Amino acid sequence: MCIDYATDGPIALITVGHTTPRPVSAIQELLTHFQHDSAVGAAVISGNFAFDDPAMPPDLDRAVPGGKPVIAAIEGVCAADGLALALGCDLRLCAPDATFVMPVLEAAPVGAAANAATHLVGVGHALELLLSGESFDAEWAVSTGLVDAMAGSGAVTHDARVLAERAALSGMRPGLDRTVPHRYSRMRTLIAA
């Protein structure tokens, strides 16, 4: 399986490879390890966010264990359960060329992605994302609130690491419920700093 876990000072770095089959269980295991590692205070998930995994739990708090901040660094396509995983993170940064899509399935998307998207972007934009099957660009994602900020070209992982280090050194603990909009306000102050 091609999921790398490394630490760099107070940051855990989880990189999902493009050939990783069914990555959710492995990512969950690494995030649980990270949450219990007293040497690190924040994590960055980068790499492949375009995957579909039947093991994806319907509750994002189980997919992305809470406590310490987790930041998604999104480059390229962010789709299906990879999108749900990104929505479960505390902050999402994307590259200018990132695209976001939820493939239309036989049944309407429910559970984790639908709930998180609705809380982040509102019902109208969430329905547009979840039911259209269309691909949305980074500017749309930032303007609707699906993504917190757009990094410069080639800088998304670096910028996510800078935010993670700030969060780790501040001792920030965003909480367990990633679907409550007000809980993001303190995390978003890191972007402005």
C-alpha atoms as a PDB file:
ATOM      1  CA  MET A   1       0.000   0.000   0.000  1.00  0.00           C
ATOM      2  CA  CYS A   2       1.343   3.402  -0.901  1.00  0.00           C
ATOM      3  CA  ILE A   3       0.520   5.678   2.018  1.00  0.00           C
ATOM      4  CA  ASP A   4       3.478   7.356   3.645  1.00  0.00           C
ATOM      5  CA  TYR A   5       3.550   8.624   7.213  1.00  0.00           C
ATOM      6  CA  ALA A   6       6.359  10.839   8.424  1.00  0.00           C
ATOM      7  CA  THR A   7       6.880  13.491  11.045  1.00  0.00           C
ATOM      8  CA  ASP A   8       8.676  16.790  10.708  1.00  0.00           C
ATOM      9  CA  GLY A   9       8.985  18.434  14.100  1.00  0.00           C
ATOM     10  CA  PRO A  10       5.456  18.973  15.425  1.00  0.00           C
ATOM     11  CA  ILE A  11       3.755  17.944  12.145  1.00  0.00           C
ATOM     12  CA  ALA A  12       2.588  14.545  10.926  1.00  0.00           C
ATOM     13  CA  LEU A  13       2.682  14.195   7.139  1.00  0.00           C
ATOM     14  CA  ILE A  14       0.384  11.667   5.482  1.00  0.00           C
ATOM     15  CA  THR A  15       0.832  11.244   1.734  1.00  0.00           C
ATOM     16  CA  VAL A  16      -1.647   9.116  -0.193  1.00  0.00           C
ATOM     17  CA  GLY A  17      -0.244   7.530  -3.348  1.00  0.00           C
ATOM     18  CA  HIS A  18      -2.179   7.301  -6.597  1.00  0.00           C
ATOM     19  CA  THR A  19      -2.058   3.517  -6.656  1.00  0.00           C
ATOM     20  CA  THR A  20      -3.347   2.993  -3.144  1.00  0.00           C
ATOM     21  CA  PRO A  21      -6.280   0.548  -3.193  1.00  0.00           C
ATOM     22  CA  ARG A  22      -8.984   1.203  -0.587  1.00  0.00           C
ATOM     23  CA  PRO A  23      -7.004   3.818   1.367  1.00  0.00           C
ATOM     24  CA  VAL A  24      -9.569   4.832   3.999  1.00  0.00           C
ATOM     25  CA  SER A  25      -8.737   2.170   6.585  1.00  0.00           C
ATOM     26  CA  ALA A  26      -5.009   2.864   6.317  1.00  0.00           C
ATOM     27  CA  ILE A  27      -5.547   6.638   6.568  1.00  0.00           C
ATOM     28  CA  GLN A  28      -7.805   6.165   9.600  1.00  0.00           C
ATOM     29  CA  GLU A  29      -5.183   4.000  11.276  1.00  0.00           C
ATOM     30  CA  LEU A  30      -2.483   6.627  10.657  1.00  0.00           C
ATOM     31  CA  LEU A  31      -4.727   9.458  11.877  1.00  0.00           C
ATOM     32  CA  THR A  32      -5.526   7.519  15.057  1.00  0.00           C
ATOM     33  CA  HIS A  33      -1.779   6.991  15.596  1.00  0.00           C
ATOM     34  CA  PHE A  34      -1.238  10.719  14.997  1.00  0.00           C
ATOM     35  CA  GLN A  35      -3.954  11.685  17.500  1.00  0.00           C
ATOM     36  CA  HIS A  36      -2.178   9.616  20.185  1.00  0.00           C
ATOM     37  CA  ASP A  37       1.360  10.769  19.356  1.00  0.00           C
ATOM     38  CA  SER A  38       2.302  13.439  21.908  1.00  0.00           C
ATOM     39  CA  ALA A  39       5.264  14.574  19.769  1.00  0.00           C
ATOM     40  CA  VAL A  40       3.063  15.991  17.003  1.00  0.00           C
ATOM     41  CA  GLY A  41       0.308  18.590  17.202  1.00  0.00           C
ATOM     42  CA  ALA A  42      -1.149  18.810  13.672  1.00  0.00           C
ATOM     43  CA  ALA A  43      -1.276  16.760  10.479  1.00  0.00           C
ATOM     44  CA  VAL A  44      -1.235  17.428   6.744  1.00  0.00           C
ATOM     45  CA  ILE A  45      -2.829  14.982   4.312  1.00  0.00           C
ATOM     46  CA  SER A  46      -1.611  15.370   0.736  1.00  0.00           C
ATOM     47  CA  GLY A  47      -1.420  13.349  -2.443  1.00  0.00           C
ATOM     48  CA  ASN A  48      -4.318  11.480  -4.006  1.00  0.00           C
ATOM     49  CA  PHE A  49      -7.780  12.801  -3.117  1.00  0.00           C
ATOM     50  CA  ALA A  50      -9.473  11.064  -6.071  1.00  0.00           C
ATOM     51  CA  PHE A  51     -10.620   7.671  -4.839  1.00  0.00           C
ATOM     52  CA  ASP A  52     -13.703   5.668  -4.067  1.00  0.00           C
ATOM     53  CA  ASP A  53     -13.527   3.322  -1.095  1.00  0.00           C
ATOM     54  CA  PRO A  54     -16.459   1.210   0.143  1.00  0.00           C
ATOM     55  CA  ALA A  55     -14.868   1.269   3.619  1.00  0.00           C
ATOM     56  CA  MET A  56     -15.564   5.029   3.979  1.00  0.00           C
ATOM     57  CA  PRO A  57     -17.643   5.420   7.158  1.00  0.00           C
ATOM     58  CA  PRO A  58     -20.825   7.504   6.939  1.00  0.00           C
ATOM     59  CA  ASP A  59     -19.591   9.726   9.780  1.00  0.00           C
ATOM     60  CA  LEU A  60     -16.605  12.004   9.086  1.00  0.00           C
ATOM     61  CA  ASP A  61     -15.684  12.133  12.769  1.00  0.00           C
ATOM     62  CA  ARG A  62     -14.926   8.414  12.453  1.00  0.00           C
ATOM     63  CA  ALA A  63     -13.127   8.900   9.123  1.00  0.00           C
ATOM     64  CA  VAL A  64     -10.972  11.742  10.471  1.00  0.00           C
ATOM     65  CA  PRO A  65     -10.591  11.303  14.250  1.00  0.00           C
ATOM     66  CA  GLY A  66     -10.854  14.630  16.058  1.00  0.00           C
ATOM     67  CA  GLY A  67      -8.725  16.360  18.628  1.00  0.00           C
ATOM     68  CA  LYS A  68      -5.683  17.708  16.820  1.00  0.00           C
ATOM     69  CA  PRO A  69      -5.969  19.766  13.618  1.00  0.00           C
ATOM     70  CA  VAL A  70      -5.869  17.955  10.278  1.00  0.00           C
ATOM     71  CA  ILE A  71      -5.257  19.974   7.098  1.00  0.00           C
ATOM     72  CA  ALA A  72      -5.922  18.760   3.551  1.00  0.00           C
ATOM     73  CA  ALA A  73      -3.463  19.927   0.867  1.00  0.00           C
ATOM     74  CA  ILE A  74      -5.379  19.349  -2.380  1.00  0.00           C
ATOM     75  CA  GLU A  75      -3.739  19.283  -5.793  1.00  0.00           C
ATOM     76  CA  GLY A  76      -5.345  17.925  -8.943  1.00  0.00           C
ATOM     77  CA  VAL A  77      -8.656  16.090  -8.747  1.00  0.00           C
ATOM     78  CA  CYS A  78     -10.524  15.753  -5.445  1.00  0.00           C
ATOM     79  CA  ALA A  79     -13.378  13.311  -5.996  1.00  0.00           C
ATOM     80  CA  ALA A  80     -15.761  10.806  -4.449  1.00  0.00           C
ATOM     81  CA  ASP A  81     -14.565   9.459  -1.064  1.00  0.00           C
ATOM     82  CA  GLY A  82     -11.372  11.509  -1.421  1.00  0.00           C
ATOM     83  CA  LEU A  83     -13.605  14.583  -1.397  1.00  0.00           C
ATOM     84  CA  ALA A  84     -15.443  13.272   1.671  1.00  0.00           C
ATOM     85  CA  LEU A  85     -12.086  12.762   3.407  1.00  0.00           C
ATOM     86  CA  ALA A  86     -11.024  16.334   2.539  1.00  0.00           C
ATOM     87  CA  LEU A  87     -14.348  17.677   3.869  1.00  0.00           C
ATOM     88  CA  GLY A  88     -13.639  15.886   7.153  1.00  0.00           C
ATOM     89  CA  CYS A  89     -10.408  17.804   7.644  1.00  0.00           C
ATOM     90  CA  ASP A  90     -10.297  20.969   9.751  1.00  0.00           C
ATOM     91  CA  LEU A  91      -8.892  23.117   6.932  1.00  0.00           C
ATOM     92  CA  ARG A  92      -8.629  22.579   3.204  1.00  0.00           C
ATOM     93  CA  LEU A  93      -6.077  24.333   1.001  1.00  0.00           C
ATOM     94  CA  CYS A  94      -5.957  23.777  -2.731  1.00  0.00           C
ATOM     95  CA  ALA A  95      -3.751  24.461  -5.711  1.00  0.00           C
ATOM     96  CA  PRO A  96      -5.051  26.812  -8.420  1.00  0.00           C
ATOM     97  CA  ASP A  97      -5.558  23.860 -10.784  1.00  0.00           C
ATOM     98  CA  ALA A  98      -7.495  21.698  -8.286  1.00  0.00           C
ATOM     99  CA  THR A  99     -10.912  20.402  -9.320  1.00  0.00           C
ATOM    100  CA  PHE A 100     -13.701  19.025  -7.174  1.00  0.00           C
ATOM    101  CA  VAL A 101     -16.318  16.474  -8.244  1.00  0.00           C
ATOM    102  CA  MET A 102     -18.745  14.057  -6.655  1.00  0.00           C
ATOM    103  CA  PRO A 103     -19.637  11.475  -9.298  1.00  0.00           C
ATOM    104  CA  VAL A 104     -23.373  10.963  -9.648  1.00  0.00           C
ATOM    105  CA  LEU A 105     -24.267   7.552  -8.315  1.00  0.00           C
ATOM    106  CA  GLU A 106     -27.440   5.504  -8.649  1.00  0.00           C
ATOM    107  CA  ALA A 107     -28.490   6.786  -5.235  1.00  0.00           C
ATOM    108  CA  ALA A 108     -27.992  10.353  -4.096  1.00  0.00           C
ATOM    109  CA  PRO A 109     -24.869  10.864  -1.957  1.00  0.00           C
ATOM    110  CA  VAL A 110     -25.702  10.672   1.718  1.00  0.00           C
ATOM    111  CA  GLY A 111     -23.858  10.672   4.966  1.00  0.00           C
ATOM    112  CA  ALA A 112     -20.497  12.249   5.522  1.00  0.00           C
ATOM    113  CA  ALA A 113     -19.977  14.211   2.295  1.00  0.00           C
ATOM    114  CA  ALA A 114     -23.537  15.510   2.110  1.00  0.00           C
ATOM    115  CA  ASN A 115     -23.625  16.674   5.726  1.00  0.00           C
ATOM    116  CA  ALA A 116     -20.209  18.316   5.673  1.00  0.00           C
ATOM    117  CA  ALA A 117     -20.779  20.006   2.312  1.00  0.00           C
ATOM    118  CA  THR A 118     -24.131  21.398   3.459  1.00  0.00           C
ATOM    119  CA  HIS A 119     -22.593  22.893   6.603  1.00  0.00           C
ATOM    120  CA  LEU A 120     -19.619  24.339   4.736  1.00  0.00           C
ATOM    121  CA  VAL A 121     -21.234  25.778   1.608  1.00  0.00           C
ATOM    122  CA  GLY A 122     -24.973  25.822   2.248  1.00  0.00           C
ATOM    123  CA  VAL A 123     -27.731  23.692   0.785  1.00  0.00           C
ATOM    124  CA  GLY A 124     -27.730  25.209  -2.727  1.00  0.00           C
ATOM    125  CA  HIS A 125     -24.013  24.822  -3.431  1.00  0.00           C
ATOM    126  CA  ALA A 126     -23.926  21.419  -1.709  1.00  0.00           C
ATOM    127  CA  LEU A 127     -26.710  20.128  -3.958  1.00  0.00           C
ATOM    128  CA  GLU A 128     -24.932  21.549  -6.994  1.00  0.00           C
ATOM    129  CA  LEU A 129     -21.728  19.702  -6.036  1.00  0.00           C
ATOM    130  CA  LEU A 130     -23.292  16.458  -4.874  1.00  0.00           C
ATOM    131  CA  LEU A 131     -25.981  15.928  -7.505  1.00  0.00           C
ATOM    132  CA  SER A 132     -24.705  17.484 -10.724  1.00  0.00           C
ATOM    133  CA  GLY A 133     -21.711  15.241 -11.337  1.00  0.00           C
ATOM    134  CA  GLU A 134     -19.965  18.334 -12.697  1.00  0.00           C
ATOM    135  CA  SER A 135     -16.390  19.299 -12.002  1.00  0.00           C
ATOM    136  CA  PHE A 136     -15.830  22.572 -10.108  1.00  0.00           C
ATOM    137  CA  ASP A 137     -12.621  24.592 -10.159  1.00  0.00           C
ATOM    138  CA  ALA A 138     -10.559  25.945  -7.290  1.00  0.00           C
ATOM    139  CA  GLU A 139     -12.014  29.446  -7.529  1.00  0.00           C
ATOM    140  CA  TRP A 140     -15.537  28.055  -7.112  1.00  0.00           C
ATOM    141  CA  ALA A 141     -14.379  25.954  -4.160  1.00  0.00           C
ATOM    142  CA  VAL A 142     -12.846  28.966  -2.414  1.00  0.00           C
ATOM    143  CA  SER A 143     -15.724  31.337  -3.215  1.00  0.00           C
ATOM    144  CA  THR A 144     -18.310  28.919  -1.795  1.00  0.00           C
ATOM    145  CA  GLY A 145     -16.280  27.981   1.292  1.00  0.00           C
ATOM    146  CA  LEU A 146     -15.685  24.362   0.279  1.00  0.00           C
ATOM    147  CA  VAL A 147     -11.971  25.178   0.502  1.00  0.00           C
ATOM    148  CA  ASP A 148     -10.544  27.671   2.982  1.00  0.00           C
ATOM    149  CA  ALA A 149      -7.781  29.106   0.798  1.00  0.00           C
ATOM    150  CA  MET A 150      -5.994  28.715  -2.508  1.00  0.00           C
ATOM    151  CA  ALA A 151      -2.214  28.440  -2.386  1.00  0.00           C
ATOM    152  CA  GLY A 152       0.119  29.661  -5.068  1.00  0.00           C
ATOM    153  CA  SER A 153       1.001  27.292  -7.883  1.00  0.00           C
ATOM    154  CA  GLY A 154       3.195  24.496  -6.510  1.00  0.00           C
ATOM    155  CA  ALA A 155       2.911  25.773  -2.925  1.00  0.00           C
ATOM    156  CA  VAL A 156      -0.140  24.010  -1.478  1.00  0.00           C
ATOM    157  CA  THR A 157       1.747  21.383   0.542  1.00  0.00           C
ATOM    158  CA  HIS A 158       4.250  23.960   1.780  1.00  0.00           C
ATOM    159  CA  ASP A 159       1.464  26.357   2.826  1.00  0.00           C
ATOM    160  CA  ALA A 160      -0.442  23.516   4.542  1.00  0.00           C
ATOM    161  CA  ARG A 161       2.716  22.593   6.454  1.00  0.00           C
ATOM    162  CA  VAL A 162       3.163  26.218   7.587  1.00  0.00           C
ATOM    163  CA  LEU A 163      -0.441  26.283   8.854  1.00  0.00           C
ATOM    164  CA  ALA A 164      -0.015  22.910  10.540  1.00  0.00           C
ATOM    165  CA  GLU A 165       3.121  24.080  12.313  1.00  0.00           C
ATOM    166  CA  ARG A 166       1.335  27.216  13.563  1.00  0.00           C
ATOM    167  CA  ALA A 167      -1.576  25.114  14.795  1.00  0.00           C
ATOM    168  CA  ALA A 168       0.717  22.572  16.456  1.00  0.00           C
ATOM    169  CA  LEU A 169       2.824  25.188  18.210  1.00  0.00           C
ATOM    170  CA  SER A 170      -0.257  27.068  19.413  1.00  0.00           C
ATOM    171  CA  GLY A 171      -1.643  23.895  20.993  1.00  0.00           C
ATOM    172  CA  MET A 172      -4.884  24.380  19.078  1.00  0.00           C
ATOM    173  CA  ARG A 173      -7.517  21.690  19.513  1.00  0.00           C
ATOM    174  CA  PRO A 174     -10.437  22.381  17.170  1.00  0.00           C
ATOM    175  CA  GLY A 175     -12.808  19.885  18.754  1.00  0.00           C
ATOM    176  CA  LEU A 176     -14.584  16.766  17.637  1.00  0.00           C
ATOM    177  CA  ASP A 177     -17.545  17.984  15.575  1.00  0.00           C
ATOM    178  CA  ARG A 178     -16.184  18.940  12.162  1.00  0.00           C
ATOM    179  CA  THR A 179     -19.661  19.829  10.887  1.00  0.00           C
ATOM    180  CA  VAL A 180     -20.227  22.895  13.095  1.00  0.00           C
ATOM    181  CA  PRO A 181     -19.254  26.035  11.132  1.00  0.00           C
ATOM    182  CA  HIS A 182     -18.256  28.203  14.121  1.00  0.00           C
ATOM    183  CA  ARG A 183     -15.579  25.754  15.186  1.00  0.00           C
ATOM    184  CA  TYR A 184     -13.579  26.691  12.099  1.00  0.00           C
ATOM    185  CA  SER A 185     -13.244  30.365  13.022  1.00  0.00           C
ATOM    186  CA  ARG A 186     -10.202  29.850  15.251  1.00  0.00           C
ATOM    187  CA  MET A 187      -8.542  27.575  12.696  1.00  0.00           C
ATOM    188  CA  ARG A 188      -9.154  30.116   9.925  1.00  0.00           C
ATOM    189  CA  THR A 189      -7.277  32.772  11.896  1.00  0.00           C
ATOM    190  CA  LEU A 190      -4.176  30.726  11.103  1.00  0.00           C
ATOM    191  CA  ILE A 191      -4.655  31.446   7.399  1.00  0.00           C
ATOM    192  CA  ALA A 192      -4.760  35.186   7.995  1.00  0.00           C
ATOM    193  CA  ALA A 193      -1.612  35.156  10.146  1.00  0.00           C
END
